[in-house]
Amino acid sequence: MFFNSLRLIWQMSLWMDSAVLLRTMTWLDTPPETALLDGLQWRQLELELSNEK
């Protein structure tokens, strides 16, 4: 009984380690979400105008 429980714990720990490794590999392989035309888009500049006339 004791050896069977150790074998089960060992197998469960290996499954958990492999799940964490697969998640990490997937997270590292996903490309960053950036706009493809980000370098071509213009940006609006703020004009520091006062409200006084």
PDB file of N, CA and C in Angstrom:
ATOM      1  N   MET A   1       0.821  -1.194   0.000  1.00  0.00           N
ATOM      2  CA  MET A   1       0.000   0.000   0.000  1.00  0.00           C
ATOM      3  C   MET A   1       0.864   1.257   0.000  1.00  0.00           C
ATOM      4  N   PHE A   2       1.921   1.240   0.796  1.00  0.00           N
ATOM      5  CA  PHE A   2       2.790   2.414   0.910  1.00  0.00           C
ATOM      6  C   PHE A   2       3.492   2.704  -0.410  1.00  0.00           C
ATOM      7  N   PHE A   3       4.000   1.675  -1.078  1.00  0.00           N
ATOM      8  CA  PHE A   3       4.711   1.871  -2.339  1.00  0.00           C
ATOM      9  C   PHE A   3       3.767   2.307  -3.454  1.00  0.00           C
ATOM     10  N   ASN A   4       2.545   1.829  -3.433  1.00  0.00           N
ATOM     11  CA  ASN A   4       1.577   2.253  -4.435  1.00  0.00           C
ATOM     12  C   ASN A   4       1.240   3.733  -4.288  1.00  0.00           C
ATOM     13  N   SER A   5       1.130   4.219  -3.053  1.00  0.00           N
ATOM     14  CA  SER A   5       0.821   5.629  -2.845  1.00  0.00           C
ATOM     15  C   SER A   5       2.008   6.500  -3.262  1.00  0.00           C
ATOM     16  N   LEU A   6       3.237   6.036  -2.997  1.00  0.00           N
ATOM     17  CA  LEU A   6       4.408   6.785  -3.450  1.00  0.00           C
ATOM     18  C   LEU A   6       4.476   6.843  -4.966  1.00  0.00           C
ATOM     19  N   ARG A   7       4.145   5.761  -5.620  1.00  0.00           N
ATOM     20  CA  ARG A   7       4.138   5.731  -7.082  1.00  0.00           C
ATOM     21  C   ARG A   7       3.089   6.697  -7.634  1.00  0.00           C
ATOM     22  N   LEU A   8       1.906   6.742  -6.991  1.00  0.00           N
ATOM     23  CA  LEU A   8       0.847   7.651  -7.419  1.00  0.00           C
ATOM     24  C   LEU A   8       1.267   9.103  -7.225  1.00  0.00           C
ATOM     25  N   ILE A   9       1.861   9.423  -6.106  1.00  0.00           N
ATOM     26  CA  ILE A   9       2.319  10.790  -5.845  1.00  0.00           C
ATOM     27  C   ILE A   9       3.401  11.179  -6.846  1.00  0.00           C
ATOM     28  N   TRP A  10       4.319  10.266  -7.139  1.00  0.00           N
ATOM     29  CA  TRP A  10       5.379  10.536  -8.103  1.00  0.00           C
ATOM     30  C   TRP A  10       4.787  10.813  -9.485  1.00  0.00           C
ATOM     31  N   GLN A  11       3.836  10.010  -9.894  1.00  0.00           N
ATOM     32  CA  GLN A  11       3.219  10.187 -11.208  1.00  0.00           C
ATOM     33  C   GLN A  11       2.421  11.495 -11.263  1.00  0.00           C
ATOM     34  N   MET A  12       1.710  11.840 -10.223  1.00  0.00           N
ATOM     35  CA  MET A  12       0.952  13.095 -10.197  1.00  0.00           C
ATOM     36  C   MET A  12       1.881  14.298 -10.247  1.00  0.00           C
ATOM     37  N   SER A  13       3.006  14.224  -9.565  1.00  0.00           N
ATOM     38  CA  SER A  13       3.949  15.341  -9.592  1.00  0.00           C
ATOM     39  C   SER A  13       4.565  15.495 -10.983  1.00  0.00           C
ATOM     40  N   LEU A  14       4.820  14.397 -11.657  1.00  0.00           N
ATOM     41  CA  LEU A  14       5.328  14.495 -13.027  1.00  0.00           C
ATOM     42  C   LEU A  14       4.300  15.092 -13.970  1.00  0.00           C
ATOM     43  N   TRP A  15       3.042  14.736 -13.790  1.00  0.00           N
ATOM     44  CA  TRP A  15       1.973  15.314 -14.627  1.00  0.00           C
ATOM     45  C   TRP A  15       1.857  16.816 -14.389  1.00  0.00           C
ATOM     46  N   MET A  16       1.947  17.232 -13.139  1.00  0.00           N
ATOM     47  CA  MET A  16       1.846  18.659 -12.832  1.00  0.00           C
ATOM     48  C   MET A  16       3.037  19.422 -13.393  1.00  0.00           C
ATOM     49  N   ASP A  17       4.231  18.854 -13.291  1.00  0.00           N
ATOM     50  CA  ASP A  17       5.410  19.499 -13.860  1.00  0.00           C
ATOM     51  C   ASP A  17       5.294  19.637 -15.372  1.00  0.00           C
ATOM     52  N   SER A  18       4.802  18.604 -16.026  1.00  0.00           N
ATOM     53  CA  SER A  18       4.674  18.677 -17.483  1.00  0.00           C
ATOM     54  C   SER A  18       3.603  19.690 -17.882  1.00  0.00           C
ATOM     55  N   ALA A  19       2.530  19.806 -17.105  1.00  0.00           N
ATOM     56  CA  ALA A  19       1.496  20.801 -17.404  1.00  0.00           C
ATOM     57  C   ALA A  19       2.055  22.217 -17.269  1.00  0.00           C
ATOM     58  N   VAL A  20       2.845  22.456 -16.228  1.00  0.00           N
ATOM     59  CA  VAL A  20       3.449  23.781 -16.046  1.00  0.00           C
ATOM     60  C   VAL A  20       4.431  24.079 -17.165  1.00  0.00           C
ATOM     61  N   LEU A  21       5.222  23.096 -17.558  1.00  0.00           N
ATOM     62  CA  LEU A  21       6.174  23.317 -18.645  1.00  0.00           C
ATOM     63  C   LEU A  21       5.471  23.598 -19.971  1.00  0.00           C
ATOM     64  N   LEU A  22       4.392  22.883 -20.256  1.00  0.00           N
ATOM     65  CA  LEU A  22       3.654  23.131 -21.497  1.00  0.00           C
ATOM     66  C   LEU A  22       3.012  24.513 -21.500  1.00  0.00           C
ATOM     67  N   ARG A  23       2.463  24.925 -20.366  1.00  0.00           N
ATOM     68  CA  ARG A  23       1.897  26.269 -20.282  1.00  0.00           C
ATOM     69  C   ARG A  23       2.961  27.335 -20.490  1.00  0.00           C
ATOM     70  N   THR A  24       4.127  27.146 -19.889  1.00  0.00           N
ATOM     71  CA  THR A  24       5.202  28.125 -20.018  1.00  0.00           C
ATOM     72  C   THR A  24       5.708  28.188 -21.452  1.00  0.00           C
ATOM     73  N   MET A  25       5.862  27.044 -22.090  1.00  0.00           N
ATOM     74  CA  MET A  25       6.313  27.043 -23.483  1.00  0.00           C
ATOM     75  C   MET A  25       5.302  27.729 -24.389  1.00  0.00           C
ATOM     76  N   THR A  26       4.017  27.499 -24.151  1.00  0.00           N
ATOM     77  CA  THR A  26       2.982  28.152 -24.951  1.00  0.00           C
ATOM     78  C   THR A  26       2.983  29.644 -24.716  1.00  0.00           C
ATOM     79  N   TRP A  27       3.158  30.061 -23.480  1.00  0.00           N
ATOM     80  CA  TRP A  27       3.173  31.483 -23.149  1.00  0.00           C
ATOM     81  C   TRP A  27       4.365  32.177 -23.792  1.00  0.00           C
ATOM     82  N   LEU A  28       5.518  31.513 -23.813  1.00  0.00           N
ATOM     83  CA  LEU A  28       6.715  32.114 -24.396  1.00  0.00           C
ATOM     84  C   LEU A  28       6.671  32.135 -25.919  1.00  0.00           C
ATOM     85  N   ASP A  29       5.961  31.197 -26.538  1.00  0.00           N
ATOM     86  CA  ASP A  29       5.915  31.122 -27.996  1.00  0.00           C
ATOM     87  C   ASP A  29       4.865  32.018 -28.629  1.00  0.00           C
ATOM     88  N   THR A  30       3.939  32.572 -27.835  1.00  0.00           N
ATOM     89  CA  THR A  30       2.914  33.427 -28.427  1.00  0.00           C
ATOM     90  C   THR A  30       3.520  34.781 -28.773  1.00  0.00           C
ATOM     91  N   PRO A  31       3.229  35.270 -29.974  1.00  0.00           N
ATOM     92  CA  PRO A  31       3.791  36.570 -30.367  1.00  0.00           C
ATOM     93  C   PRO A  31       3.110  37.700 -29.595  1.00  0.00           C
ATOM     94  N   PRO A  32       3.827  38.785 -29.392  1.00  0.00           N
ATOM     95  CA  PRO A  32       3.210  39.914 -28.688  1.00  0.00           C
ATOM     96  C   PRO A  32       2.113  40.536 -29.546  1.00  0.00           C
ATOM     97  N   GLU A  33       1.089  41.020 -28.888  1.00  0.00           N
ATOM     98  CA  GLU A  33      -0.044  41.596 -29.602  1.00  0.00           C
ATOM     99  C   GLU A  33       0.226  43.069 -29.905  1.00  0.00           C
ATOM    100  N   THR A  34       0.800  43.336 -31.047  1.00  0.00           N
ATOM    101  CA  THR A  34       1.042  44.703 -31.485  1.00  0.00           C
ATOM    102  C   THR A  34       0.364  44.899 -32.830  1.00  0.00           C
ATOM    103  N   ALA A  35       0.004  46.127 -33.088  1.00  0.00           N
ATOM    104  CA  ALA A  35      -0.629  46.439 -34.363  1.00  0.00           C
ATOM    105  C   ALA A  35       0.417  46.368 -35.478  1.00  0.00           C
ATOM    106  N   LEU A  36       0.025  45.786 -36.599  1.00  0.00           N
ATOM    107  CA  LEU A  36       0.973  45.654 -37.703  1.00  0.00           C
ATOM    108  C   LEU A  36       1.338  47.000 -38.315  1.00  0.00           C
ATOM    109  N   LEU A  37       0.404  47.926 -38.309  1.00  0.00           N
ATOM    110  CA  LEU A  37       0.643  49.239 -38.909  1.00  0.00           C
ATOM    111  C   LEU A  37       1.000  50.286 -37.863  1.00  0.00           C
ATOM    112  N   ASP A  38       1.514  49.854 -36.730  1.00  0.00           N
ATOM    113  CA  ASP A  38       1.808  50.777 -35.638  1.00  0.00           C
ATOM    114  C   ASP A  38       2.846  51.813 -36.040  1.00  0.00           C
ATOM    115  N   GLY A  39       3.833  51.436 -36.822  1.00  0.00           N
ATOM    116  CA  GLY A  39       4.857  52.385 -37.249  1.00  0.00           C
ATOM    117  C   GLY A  39       4.356  53.392 -38.264  1.00  0.00           C
ATOM    118  N   LEU A  40       3.247  53.099 -38.948  1.00  0.00           N
ATOM    119  CA  LEU A  40       2.726  53.998 -39.969  1.00  0.00           C
ATOM    120  C   LEU A  40       1.616  54.906 -39.454  1.00  0.00           C
ATOM    121  N   GLN A  41       1.100  54.640 -38.285  1.00  0.00           N
ATOM    122  CA  GLN A  41       0.010  55.459 -37.763  1.00  0.00           C
ATOM    123  C   GLN A  41       0.550  56.776 -37.220  1.00  0.00           C
ATOM    124  N   TRP A  42      -0.182  57.826 -37.456  1.00  0.00           N
ATOM    125  CA  TRP A  42       0.226  59.125 -36.943  1.00  0.00           C
ATOM    126  C   TRP A  42      -0.286  59.287 -35.525  1.00  0.00           C
ATOM    127  N   ARG A  43       0.363  60.126 -34.825  1.00  0.00           N
ATOM    128  CA  ARG A  43      -0.006  60.369 -33.442  1.00  0.00           C
ATOM    129  C   ARG A  43      -0.461  61.817 -33.303  1.00  0.00           C
ATOM    130  N   GLN A  44      -1.484  62.013 -32.510  1.00  0.00           N
ATOM    131  CA  GLN A  44      -1.994  63.354 -32.292  1.00  0.00           C
ATOM    132  C   GLN A  44      -1.193  64.008 -31.172  1.00  0.00           C
ATOM    133  N   LEU A  45      -0.712  65.202 -31.467  1.00  0.00           N
ATOM    134  CA  LEU A  45       0.060  65.936 -30.471  1.00  0.00           C
ATOM    135  C   LEU A  45      -0.856  66.902 -29.735  1.00  0.00           C
ATOM    136  N   GLU A  46      -0.578  67.094 -28.474  1.00  0.00           N
ATOM    137  CA  GLU A  46      -1.361  68.040 -27.695  1.00  0.00           C
ATOM    138  C   GLU A  46      -0.741  69.424 -27.839  1.00  0.00           C
ATOM    139  N   LEU A  47      -1.575  70.385 -28.178  1.00  0.00           N
ATOM    140  CA  LEU A  47      -1.132  71.774 -28.209  1.00  0.00           C
ATOM    141  C   LEU A  47      -1.453  72.378 -26.855  1.00  0.00           C
ATOM    142  N   GLU A  48      -0.453  72.867 -26.197  1.00  0.00           N
ATOM    143  CA  GLU A  48      -0.648  73.406 -24.853  1.00  0.00           C
ATOM    144  C   GLU A  48      -1.166  74.839 -24.955  1.00  0.00           C
ATOM    145  N   LEU A  49      -2.418  74.968 -25.341  1.00  0.00           N
ATOM    146  CA  LEU A  49      -3.040  76.276 -25.457  1.00  0.00           C
ATOM    147  C   LEU A  49      -3.830  76.574 -24.187  1.00  0.00           C
ATOM    148  N   SER A  50      -3.763  77.801 -23.773  1.00  0.00           N
ATOM    149  CA  SER A  50      -4.503  78.167 -22.575  1.00  0.00           C
ATOM    150  C   SER A  50      -5.938  78.545 -22.960  1.00  0.00           C
ATOM    151  N   ASN A  51      -6.828  78.527 -22.017  1.00  0.00           N
ATOM    152  CA  ASN A  51      -8.226  78.868 -22.253  1.00  0.00           C
ATOM    153  C   ASN A  51      -8.464  80.366 -22.239  1.00  0.00           C
ATOM    154  N   GLU A  52      -7.474  81.143 -21.869  1.00  0.00           N
ATOM    155  CA  GLU A  52      -7.607  82.600 -21.802  1.00  0.00           C
ATOM    156  C   GLU A  52      -7.534  83.186 -23.207  1.00  0.00           C
ATOM    157  N   LYS A  53      -8.301  84.260 -23.419  1.00  0.00           N
ATOM    158  CA  LYS A  53      -8.262  84.945 -24.715  1.00  0.00           C
ATOM    159  C   LYS A  53      -7.521  86.234 -24.637  1.00  0.00           C
TER     160      LYS A  53
END
